[in-house]
C-alpha atoms as a PDB file:
ATOM      1  CA  MET A   1      33.770 -18.751 -34.536  1.00  0.00           C
ATOM      2  CA  ALA A   2      35.619 -21.355 -32.350  1.00  0.00           C
ATOM      3  CA  GLN A   3      37.085 -18.379 -30.331  1.00  0.00           C
ATOM      4  CA  GLN A   4      33.615 -17.134 -29.600  1.00  0.00           C
ATOM      5  CA  GLU A   5      32.430 -20.583 -28.471  1.00  0.00           C
ATOM      6  CA  SER A   6      35.503 -20.825 -26.230  1.00  0.00           C
ATOM      7  CA  SER A   7      34.786 -17.368 -24.654  1.00  0.00           C
ATOM      8  CA  LYS A   8      31.057 -18.315 -24.251  1.00  0.00           C
ATOM      9  CA  ARG A   9      32.189 -21.462 -22.371  1.00  0.00           C
ATOM     10  CA  GLN A  10      34.721 -19.576 -20.195  1.00  0.00           C
ATOM     11  CA  GLY A  11      31.947 -17.010 -19.345  1.00  0.00           C
ATOM     12  CA  SER A  12      29.581 -19.704 -18.434  1.00  0.00           C
ATOM     13  CA  ARG A  13      32.011 -21.342 -16.117  1.00  0.00           C
ATOM     14  CA  ARG A  14      32.640 -17.905 -14.397  1.00  0.00           C
ATOM     15  CA  SER A  15      29.019 -17.472 -13.911  1.00  0.00           C
ATOM     16  CA  VAL A  16      28.653 -20.854 -12.332  1.00  0.00           C
ATOM     17  CA  ALA A  17      31.662 -20.180 -10.194  1.00  0.00           C
ATOM     18  CA  ARG A  18      30.178 -16.855  -9.057  1.00  0.00           C
ATOM     19  CA  ALA A  19      26.843 -18.465  -8.276  1.00  0.00           C
ATOM     20  CA  GLY A  20      28.685 -21.343  -6.350  1.00  0.00           C
ATOM     21  CA  ARG A  21      30.490 -18.658  -4.302  1.00  0.00           C
ATOM     22  CA  ARG A  22      27.298 -16.700  -3.593  1.00  0.00           C
ATOM     23  CA  ALA A  23      25.529 -19.995  -2.489  1.00  0.00           C
ATOM     24  CA  ARG A  24      28.441 -20.786  -0.157  1.00  0.00           C
ATOM     25  CA  HIS A  25      28.435 -17.316   1.220  1.00  0.00           C
ATOM     26  CA  GLN A  26      24.658 -17.303   1.740  1.00  0.00           C
ATOM     27  CA  THR A  27      24.911 -20.759   3.559  1.00  0.00           C
ATOM     28  CA  ARG A  28      27.662 -19.625   5.858  1.00  0.00           C
ATOM     29  CA  LYS A  29      25.692 -16.447   6.691  1.00  0.00           C
ATOM     30  CA  ARG A  30      22.634 -18.485   7.557  1.00  0.00           C
ATOM     31  CA  ALA A  31      24.719 -20.710   9.679  1.00  0.00           C
ATOM     32  CA  ARG A  32      26.224 -17.837  11.639  1.00  0.00           C
ATOM     33  CA  ARG A  33      22.685 -16.144  12.071  1.00  0.00           C
ATOM     34  CA  ALA A  34      21.467 -19.630  13.417  1.00  0.00           C
ATOM     35  CA  THR A  35      24.340 -19.946  15.779  1.00  0.00           C
ATOM     36  CA  TYR A  36      23.845 -16.345  17.068  1.00  0.00           C
ATOM     37  CA  LEU A  37      20.188 -16.964  17.591  1.00  0.00           C
ATOM     38  CA  LEU A  38      20.709 -20.422  19.414  1.00  0.00           C
ATOM     39  CA  VAL A  39      23.347 -18.900  21.740  1.00  0.00           C
ATOM     40  CA  SER A  40      21.461 -15.715  22.377  1.00  0.00           C
ATOM     41  CA  GLY A  41      18.322 -17.956  23.245  1.00  0.00           C
ATOM     42  CA  PHE A  42      20.263 -20.154  25.538  1.00  0.00           C
ATOM     43  CA  ILE A  43      21.750 -17.148  27.491  1.00  0.00           C
ATOM     44  CA  GLY A  44      18.409 -15.530  27.814  1.00  0.00           C
ATOM     45  CA  ALA A  45      16.850 -18.828  29.051  1.00  0.00           C
ATOM     46  CA  LEU A  46      19.675 -19.131  31.725  1.00  0.00           C
ATOM     47  CA  ILE A  47      19.006 -15.534  33.023  1.00  0.00           C
ATOM     48  CA  ILE A  48      15.204 -16.114  33.082  1.00  0.00           C
ATOM     49  CA  ILE A  49      15.663 -19.558  35.138  1.00  0.00           C
ATOM     50  CA  SER A  50      18.089 -17.794  37.469  1.00  0.00           C
ATOM     51  CA  LEU A  51      15.407 -15.252  38.416  1.00  0.00           C
ATOM     52  CA  PHE A  52      12.986 -17.870  39.389  1.00  0.00           C
ATOM     53  CA  ILE A  53      15.109 -20.532  41.143  1.00  0.00           C
ATOM     54  CA  PRO A  54      15.121 -18.756  44.452  1.00  0.00           C
ATOM     55  CA  SER A  55      11.121 -19.063  44.326  1.00  0.00           C
ATOM     56  CA  PHE A  56      11.373 -22.825  44.514  1.00  0.00           C
ATOM     57  CA  THR A  57      13.831 -23.641  47.224  1.00  0.00           C
ATOM     58  CA  GLY A  58      11.270 -24.813  49.531  1.00  0.00           C
ATOM     59  CA  THR A  59       8.677 -23.590  52.110  1.00  0.00           C
ATOM     60  CA  GLY A  60      11.418 -22.581  54.710  1.00  0.00           C
ATOM     61  CA  ARG A  61      13.783 -19.559  54.264  1.00  0.00           C
ATOM     62  CA  SER A  62      17.041 -20.438  52.598  1.00  0.00           C
ATOM     63  CA  GLY A  63      19.954 -18.080  52.079  1.00  0.00           C
ATOM     64  CA  SER A  64      23.358 -17.410  53.492  1.00  0.00           C
ATOM     65  CA  ILE A  65      24.773 -15.373  56.484  1.00  0.00           C
ATOM     66  CA  ASP A  66      25.889 -12.650  53.973  1.00  0.00           C
ATOM     67  CA  GLU A  67      22.219 -11.418  54.815  1.00  0.00           C
ATOM     68  CA  ASP A  68      21.529  -9.180  57.769  1.00  0.00           C
ATOM     69  CA  PRO A  69      22.837 -11.164  60.823  1.00  0.00           C
ATOM     70  CA  PHE A  70      20.297  -9.384  63.022  1.00  0.00           C
ATOM     71  CA  GLN A  71      17.332 -10.122  60.940  1.00  0.00           C
ATOM     72  CA  VAL A  72      14.351 -11.397  62.789  1.00  0.00           C
ATOM     73  CA  LEU A  73      12.508 -14.364  61.141  1.00  0.00           C
ATOM     74  CA  ALA A  74       8.822 -15.255  61.591  1.00  0.00           C
ATOM     75  CA  GLU A  75       8.422 -17.708  64.402  1.00  0.00           C
ATOM     76  CA  GLY A  76       8.687 -21.220  62.957  1.00  0.00           C
ATOM     77  CA  THR A  77      10.602 -20.188  59.804  1.00  0.00           C
ATOM     78  CA  ASP A  78      13.316 -22.509  58.735  1.00  0.00           C
ATOM     79  CA  TYR A  79      16.699 -20.851  57.812  1.00  0.00           C
ATOM     80  CA  PHE A  80      19.377 -22.872  55.965  1.00  0.00           C
ATOM     81  CA  GLY A  81      22.182 -20.335  55.751  1.00  0.00           C
ATOM     82  CA  TYR A  82      24.220 -20.803  59.015  1.00  0.00           C
ATOM     83  CA  SER A  83      27.911 -21.562  58.289  1.00  0.00           C
ATOM     84  CA  THR A  84      28.513 -23.774  61.426  1.00  0.00           C
ATOM     85  CA  SER A  85      26.678 -26.455  63.221  1.00  0.00           C
ATOM     86  CA  PRO A  86      25.807 -25.404  66.016  1.00  0.00           C
ATOM     87  CA  PRO A  87      25.368 -21.859  64.611  1.00  0.00           C
ATOM     88  CA  THR A  88      27.018 -18.907  66.015  1.00  0.00           C
ATOM     89  CA  PHE A  89      25.336 -15.999  64.358  1.00  0.00           C
ATOM     90  CA  GLY A  90      22.703 -15.071  61.907  1.00  0.00           C
ATOM     91  CA  PRO A  91      19.001 -14.541  61.407  1.00  0.00           C
ATOM     92  CA  SER A  92      16.955 -15.802  64.429  1.00  0.00           C
ATOM     93  CA  TRP A  93      13.434 -16.232  65.839  1.00  0.00           C
ATOM     94  CA  PRO A  94      11.964 -13.421  67.920  1.00  0.00           C
ATOM     95  CA  THR A  95      12.543 -15.254  71.236  1.00  0.00           C
ATOM     96  CA  GLY A  96      15.192 -17.473  72.564  1.00  0.00           C
ATOM     97  CA  ALA A  97      14.959 -20.614  74.784  1.00  0.00           C
ATOM     98  CA  GLU A  98      14.637 -20.140  78.515  1.00  0.00           C
ATOM     99  CA  TRP A  99      18.110 -19.939  80.295  1.00  0.00           C
ATOM    100  CA  GLY A 100      19.031 -23.157  82.196  1.00  0.00           C
ATOM    101  CA  ILE A 101      19.148 -26.852  81.633  1.00  0.00           C
ATOM    102  CA  HIS A 102      17.268 -28.410  78.725  1.00  0.00           C
ATOM    103  CA  THR A 103      16.760 -32.175  77.836  1.00  0.00           C
ATOM    104  CA  GLU A 104      15.790 -31.601  74.153  1.00  0.00           C
ATOM    105  CA  ASP A 105      17.476 -30.170  71.199  1.00  0.00           C
ATOM    106  CA  ILE A 106      16.912 -26.433  70.643  1.00  0.00           C
ATOM    107  CA  ARG A 107      16.118 -25.278  67.015  1.00  0.00           C
ATOM    108  CA  ASP A 108      18.994 -23.363  65.333  1.00  0.00           C
ATOM    109  CA  GLU A 109      16.931 -20.420  64.857  1.00  0.00           C
ATOM    110  CA  ARG A 110      15.873 -20.045  68.577  1.00  0.00           C
ATOM    111  CA  GLN A 111      19.440 -20.639  69.973  1.00  0.00           C
ATOM    112  CA  VAL A 112      20.855 -17.956  67.740  1.00  0.00           C
ATOM    113  CA  ARG A 113      18.390 -15.670  69.571  1.00  0.00           C
ATOM    114  CA  ASN A 114      19.935 -16.754  72.847  1.00  0.00           C
ATOM    115  CA  LEU A 115      23.395 -16.088  71.402  1.00  0.00           C
ATOM    116  CA  MET A 116      22.491 -12.508  70.313  1.00  0.00           C
ATOM    117  CA  GLU A 117      21.273 -11.804  73.777  1.00  0.00           C
ATOM    118  CA  GLY A 118      24.666 -12.721  75.319  1.00  0.00           C
ATOM    119  CA  GLY A 119      23.924 -16.506  75.971  1.00  0.00           C
ATOM    120  CA  VAL A 120      26.746 -19.287  76.235  1.00  0.00           C
ATOM    121  CA  LEU A 121      25.430 -22.590  75.069  1.00  0.00           C
ATOM    122  CA  LEU A 122      27.052 -25.771  76.101  1.00  0.00           C
ATOM    123  CA  GLN A 123      25.571 -28.465  74.060  1.00  0.00           C
ATOM    124  CA  TYR A 124      26.420 -32.237  73.902  1.00  0.00           C
ATOM    125  CA  ASN A 125      25.969 -35.205  71.606  1.00  0.00           C
ATOM    126  CA  THR A 126      26.468 -38.137  74.088  1.00  0.00           C
ATOM    127  CA  GLU A 127      24.316 -40.239  76.470  1.00  0.00           C
ATOM    128  CA  ASP A 128      27.074 -40.446  78.966  1.00  0.00           C
ATOM    129  CA  GLN A 129      25.488 -39.181  82.185  1.00  0.00           C
ATOM    130  CA  GLU A 130      28.857 -38.164  83.775  1.00  0.00           C
ATOM    131  CA  THR A 131      29.656 -35.957  80.887  1.00  0.00           C
ATOM    132  CA  ILE A 132      26.183 -34.353  80.960  1.00  0.00           C
ATOM    133  CA  GLY A 133      26.469 -34.189  84.872  1.00  0.00           C
ATOM    134  CA  THR A 134      29.629 -32.264  84.633  1.00  0.00           C
ATOM    135  CA  LEU A 135      28.276 -29.661  82.204  1.00  0.00           C
ATOM    136  CA  VAL A 136      25.306 -29.293  84.463  1.00  0.00           C
ATOM    137  CA  GLU A 137      27.494 -28.692  87.556  1.00  0.00           C
ATOM    138  CA  VAL A 138      29.763 -26.225  85.838  1.00  0.00           C
ATOM    139  CA  VAL A 139      26.912 -24.254  84.776  1.00  0.00           C
ATOM    140  CA  GLU A 140      24.988 -24.230  88.137  1.00  0.00           C
ATOM    141  CA  ARG A 141      27.871 -22.926  90.070  1.00  0.00           C
ATOM    142  CA  GLN A 142      28.105 -19.755  88.085  1.00  0.00           C
ATOM    143  CA  GLY A 143      27.112 -16.537  89.669  1.00  0.00           C
ATOM    144  CA  GLN A 144      23.662 -15.324  88.799  1.00  0.00           C
ATOM    145  CA  TYR A 145      22.735 -18.835  87.340  1.00  0.00           C
ATOM    146  CA  PRO A 146      20.914 -19.326  85.037  1.00  0.00           C
ATOM    147  CA  CYS A 147      21.284 -16.085  83.481  1.00  0.00           C
ATOM    148  CA  TYR A 148      22.757 -16.251  79.903  1.00  0.00           C
ATOM    149  CA  LEU A 149      23.745 -19.997  80.229  1.00  0.00           C
ATOM    150  CA  ILE A 150      22.227 -23.100  78.533  1.00  0.00           C
ATOM    151  CA  VAL A 151      23.026 -26.913  78.595  1.00  0.00           C
ATOM    152  CA  ALA A 152      21.272 -28.844  76.031  1.00  0.00           C
ATOM    153  CA  PRO A 153      21.566 -31.908  73.667  1.00  0.00           C
ATOM    154  CA  TYR A 154      22.390 -31.294  70.111  1.00  0.00           C
ATOM    155  CA  ALA A 155      22.546 -34.266  67.811  1.00  0.00           C
ATOM    156  CA  ALA A 156      23.929 -32.601  64.844  1.00  0.00           C
ATOM    157  CA  ILE A 157      27.385 -32.058  66.226  1.00  0.00           C
ATOM    158  CA  GLU A 158      30.132 -34.535  65.486  1.00  0.00           C
ATOM    159  CA  SER A 159      32.125 -33.768  68.614  1.00  0.00           C
ATOM    160  CA  THR A 160      31.109 -34.616  72.122  1.00  0.00           C
ATOM    161  CA  VAL A 161      30.774 -31.161  73.382  1.00  0.00           C
ATOM    162  CA  ALA A 162      30.143 -27.700  71.661  1.00  0.00           C
ATOM    163  CA  MET A 163      30.493 -24.365  73.309  1.00  0.00           C
ATOM    164  CA  THR A 164      28.879 -21.441  71.481  1.00  0.00           C
ATOM    165  CA  ALA A 165      28.499 -17.697  71.875  1.00  0.00           C
ATOM    166  CA  TRP A 166      27.898 -14.934  69.400  1.00  0.00           C
ATOM    167  CA  GLY A 167      30.633 -15.286  66.680  1.00  0.00           C
ATOM    168  CA  ALA A 168      32.440 -18.119  68.566  1.00  0.00           C
ATOM    169  CA  VAL A 169      32.479 -21.895  68.853  1.00  0.00           C
ATOM    170  CA  GLU A 170      34.803 -24.417  70.295  1.00  0.00           C
ATOM    171  CA  THR A 171      34.373 -28.143  70.495  1.00  0.00           C
ATOM    172  CA  MET A 172      35.686 -30.816  72.908  1.00  0.00           C
ATOM    173  CA  GLU A 173      35.782 -34.687  73.032  1.00  0.00           C
ATOM    174  CA  GLU A 174      36.027 -34.729  76.674  1.00  0.00           C
ATOM    175  CA  VAL A 175      34.856 -32.086  79.177  1.00  0.00           C
ATOM    176  CA  ASP A 176      37.591 -29.606  80.314  1.00  0.00           C
ATOM    177  CA  GLY A 177      36.328 -27.578  83.063  1.00  0.00           C
ATOM    178  CA  GLU A 178      38.985 -25.028  82.751  1.00  0.00           C
ATOM    179  CA  ARG A 179      38.345 -24.317  79.048  1.00  0.00           C
ATOM    180  CA  ILE A 180      34.419 -24.148  79.755  1.00  0.00           C
ATOM    181  CA  GLN A 181      35.056 -21.621  82.699  1.00  0.00           C
ATOM    182  CA  GLN A 182      37.327 -19.451  80.383  1.00  0.00           C
ATOM    183  CA  PHE A 183      34.747 -19.687  77.554  1.00  0.00           C
ATOM    184  CA  ILE A 184      31.875 -18.561  80.026  1.00  0.00           C
ATOM    185  CA  ASP A 185      34.034 -15.708  81.542  1.00  0.00           C
ATOM    186  CA  THR A 186      34.855 -14.433  77.984  1.00  0.00           C
ATOM    187  CA  TYR A 187      31.576 -14.549  76.315  1.00  0.00           C
ATOM    188  CA  ARG A 188      28.652 -14.649  78.843  1.00  0.00           C
ATOM    189  CA  GLY A 189      26.497 -11.581  78.584  1.00  0.00           C
ATOM    190  CA  ALA A 190      28.622 -10.124  75.670  1.00  0.00           C
ATOM    191  CA  GLY A 191      26.047 -10.506  72.862  1.00  0.00           C
ATOM    192  CA  PRO A 192      25.307  -7.610  70.536  1.00  0.00           C
ATOM    193  CA  GLN A 193      21.731  -7.252  71.895  1.00  0.00           C
ATOM    194  CA  THR A 194      22.122  -8.362  75.422  1.00  0.00           C
ATOM    195  CA  PRO A 195      19.016  -7.447  77.674  1.00  0.00           C
ATOM    196  CA  PRO A 196      19.245  -7.328  81.422  1.00  0.00           C
ATOM    197  CA  CYS A 197      18.814 -10.748  82.954  1.00  0.00           C
ATOM    198  CA  VAL A 198      16.163 -10.663  85.745  1.00  0.00           C
ATOM    199  CA  LEU A 199      16.281 -13.601  88.212  1.00  0.00           C
ATOM    200  CA  GLN A 200      13.174 -14.991  89.372  1.00  0.00           C
ATOM    201  CA  GLU A 201      12.634 -15.286  92.952  1.00  0.00           C
ATOM    202  CA  GLY A 202      11.860 -18.501  94.566  1.00  0.00           C
END
């Protein structure tokens, strides 16, 4: 009789142990399932967000110059993907600025069109009239002036003078006539889409 009672107690303990193991197994299984669902949901949310972020970057066009560098933007569209300041290539507006001397900054998207059409831009961030006058003199003595040449202020540059052409930029703290002439001789009229420059009579 005592042996039967002992066997019953042992069987009862084994049943309790098995039930405990099953409960722990179910708990771990539910925890793994919850973790899987949580991670999957998080990854899915990130994917959905990444698809919509470009639509909320502002009213202007943003991007990088990995895009088509010859892309023509609608007039007035902002572009934020230029890799240098001032820019040297990339998407541009349909028309460039007039060749010659300017007294106001030229928008990046417009001056890039000038570069594409073979222009050399000499831009300055200074109010020193001697510096500005020297830049003007160098440009005005070039043959067929003002074809493919622009002098203009540009407040965004850190240096005193920046010379740009399609795919090229050089900066100077002081005007160096020889460097400017070499830059003009190298790049003037050598843009990827350079049209003939017609001089106006008179």
